[in-house]
C-alpha cells in the first residue's frame, strides 16, 4: 500500500500521496539516514518552514488540476489506442455465433473459475435489430 501511494502513477503524473497532502512522503529510511530533503528542513527556521509549507499547500490545487488534465489526456490516448484494434462485426442470418452464459452469478463469483463463459455454437435465424437475434442450437 505504501509503495502504491508513493509511486508516480502514469495517468496523473504524480503520486497519490502528493495529490492528497501536498508534499512527497518521507520514507522511513530517510528518518534514520537523513536525506538532503530532510537536512534542508532542519536548516529552515520555523517561520520560513511555515511559509514554505503554506506555499506548497497553495500550489496543491494547481497540481491537482494538472493531474486531472493529464488523466484526461491519458484516458483519451488509451481510448484511441483501444479503438484502433476494435472494429464492429456485423452479424447476418445464417451466421454461427456463441452466446454469453449469463447464468454465472457475478455477485458471488460462483461457478466462474472453471466454467466456460460461452455457450453454443448457435445459428442466427432472424435479426430483430438493436442487437437482438433469434438463435437456433446446432444439432
Protein backbone atom coordinates (compact mmCIF):
# COMPACT_ATOMS: atom_id res chain seq x y z
CA UNK A 1 0.00 0.00 0.00
CA UNK A 2 2.85 2.37 0.85
CA UNK A 3 4.56 1.59 -2.44
CA UNK A 4 1.36 2.28 -4.37
CA UNK A 5 0.73 5.62 -2.66
CA UNK A 6 4.30 6.85 -3.06
CA UNK A 7 4.89 5.75 -6.68
CA UNK A 8 4.23 8.07 -9.60
CA UNK A 9 1.10 6.98 -11.46
CA UNK A 10 1.18 7.25 -15.25
CA UNK A 11 -2.36 8.66 -15.65
CA UNK A 12 -1.78 11.59 -13.27
CA UNK A 13 1.99 12.03 -13.44
CA UNK A 14 2.09 12.36 -9.65
CA UNK A 15 1.96 10.22 -6.55
CA UNK A 16 -1.40 9.78 -4.82
CA UNK A 17 0.27 10.88 -1.57
CA UNK A 18 1.43 14.19 -3.04
CA UNK A 19 -2.01 14.92 -4.51
CA UNK A 20 -3.62 14.44 -1.10
CA UNK A 21 -1.07 16.01 1.24
CA UNK A 22 0.74 18.50 -1.00
CA UNK A 23 4.25 17.11 -0.47
CA UNK A 24 6.13 13.93 -1.13
CA UNK A 25 6.12 11.25 1.55
CA UNK A 26 9.11 10.88 3.84
CA UNK A 27 10.31 7.31 3.64
CA UNK A 28 11.03 5.55 6.94
CA UNK A 29 14.64 5.11 5.85
CA UNK A 30 15.01 8.89 5.46
CA UNK A 31 14.22 9.34 9.14
CA UNK A 32 17.13 7.09 10.15
CA UNK A 33 19.55 8.22 7.44
CA UNK A 34 18.73 11.87 6.69
CA UNK A 35 18.49 12.74 3.02
CA UNK A 36 19.11 16.17 1.50
CA UNK A 37 15.40 16.98 1.71
CA UNK A 38 15.27 16.16 5.44
CA UNK A 39 18.53 18.03 6.09
CA UNK A 40 17.20 21.17 4.39
CA UNK A 41 14.12 21.13 6.61
CA UNK A 42 16.39 21.33 9.65
CA UNK A 43 18.14 24.43 8.27
CA UNK A 44 14.94 26.48 7.90
CA UNK A 45 13.67 28.35 10.91
CA UNK A 46 10.08 27.80 12.00
CA UNK A 47 8.62 30.85 10.20
CA UNK A 48 10.39 30.05 6.93
CA UNK A 49 9.25 26.43 7.18
CA UNK A 50 5.63 27.52 7.79
CA UNK A 51 5.81 29.87 4.83
CA UNK A 52 7.26 27.17 2.58
CA UNK A 53 4.60 24.69 3.67
CA UNK A 54 1.85 27.26 3.09
CA UNK A 55 3.09 27.91 -0.45
CA UNK A 56 3.14 24.12 -1.03
CA UNK A 57 -0.48 23.86 0.07
CA UNK A 58 -1.47 26.83 -2.10
CA UNK A 59 0.07 25.16 -5.14
CA UNK A 60 -1.72 21.90 -4.30
CA UNK A 61 -4.92 22.92 -6.15
CA UNK A 62 -2.88 23.70 -9.26
CA UNK A 63 -1.10 20.34 -9.00
CA UNK A 64 -4.44 18.56 -8.69
CA UNK A 65 -5.81 20.38 -11.74
CA UNK A 66 -2.67 19.46 -13.70
CA UNK A 67 -3.07 15.83 -12.63
CA UNK A 68 -6.74 15.87 -13.66
CA UNK A 69 -5.84 17.33 -17.06
CA UNK A 70 -3.09 14.76 -17.57
CA UNK A 71 -5.52 11.99 -16.58
CA UNK A 72 -7.98 13.18 -19.25
CA UNK A 73 -5.23 13.21 -21.89
CA UNK A 74 -4.12 9.73 -20.80
CA UNK A 75 -7.70 8.40 -20.92
CA UNK A 76 -8.23 9.84 -24.41
CA UNK A 77 -4.97 8.30 -25.59
CA UNK A 78 -5.92 4.90 -24.15
CA UNK A 79 -9.38 5.15 -25.75
CA UNK A 80 -7.89 5.92 -29.17
CA UNK A 81 -5.42 3.06 -28.78
CA UNK A 82 -8.22 0.64 -27.87
CA UNK A 83 -10.47 1.83 -30.70
CA UNK A 84 -7.70 1.19 -33.24
CA UNK A 85 -7.90 -2.52 -32.54
CA UNK A 86 -11.67 -2.89 -32.12
CA UNK A 87 -13.98 -2.98 -35.07
CA UNK A 88 -17.67 -3.67 -35.38
CA UNK A 89 -18.63 -7.06 -36.72
CA UNK A 90 -21.94 -7.37 -38.49
CA UNK A 91 -23.99 -10.48 -37.77
CA UNK A 92 -26.22 -11.80 -40.53
CA UNK A 93 -28.85 -14.52 -40.72
CA UNK A 94 -27.20 -17.91 -41.11
CA UNK A 95 -24.00 -16.92 -39.24
CA UNK A 96 -22.63 -19.15 -36.49
CA UNK A 97 -22.27 -17.39 -33.14
CA UNK A 98 -21.52 -18.10 -29.48
CA UNK A 99 -23.79 -16.81 -26.70
CA UNK A 100 -22.51 -15.42 -23.39
CA UNK A 101 -23.55 -17.64 -20.47
CA UNK A 102 -25.42 -15.25 -18.17
CA UNK A 103 -26.20 -17.98 -15.65
CA UNK A 104 -22.89 -17.32 -13.92
CA UNK A 105 -23.56 -15.45 -10.68
CA UNK A 106 -21.45 -12.29 -10.93
CA UNK A 107 -22.08 -11.20 -7.33
CA UNK A 108 -20.78 -14.33 -5.64
CA UNK A 109 -18.48 -15.40 -8.46
CA UNK A 110 -19.85 -18.89 -8.04
CA UNK A 111 -19.12 -21.11 -10.99
CA UNK A 112 -16.83 -18.67 -12.78
CA UNK A 113 -13.36 -20.06 -12.48
CA UNK A 114 -13.60 -23.39 -14.24
CA UNK A 115 -16.73 -22.94 -16.34
CA UNK A 116 -16.97 -21.86 -19.94
CA UNK A 117 -18.24 -18.32 -20.41
CA UNK A 118 -19.73 -19.02 -23.82
CA UNK A 119 -22.49 -21.37 -24.99
CA UNK A 120 -23.00 -22.64 -28.49
CA UNK A 121 -22.46 -22.64 -31.35
CA UNK A 122 -25.80 -21.26 -32.48
CA UNK A 123 -27.08 -20.33 -35.92
CA UNK A 124 -28.67 -16.89 -36.35
CA UNK A 125 -32.21 -17.43 -37.64
CA UNK A 126 -33.56 -13.88 -37.53
CA UNK A 127 -32.23 -10.38 -36.84
CA UNK A 128 -34.69 -8.28 -34.81
CA UNK A 129 -32.43 -5.22 -34.83
CA UNK A 130 -30.73 -3.40 -31.92
CA UNK A 131 -28.55 -6.44 -31.22
CA UNK A 132 -31.43 -8.91 -30.69
CA UNK A 133 -31.33 -12.18 -32.61
CA UNK A 134 -33.30 -15.41 -32.80
CA UNK A 135 -30.80 -18.23 -32.29
CA UNK A 136 -31.16 -21.91 -33.08
CA UNK A 137 -28.95 -24.55 -31.44
CA UNK A 138 -26.99 -26.66 -33.91
CA UNK A 139 -27.75 -30.38 -33.80
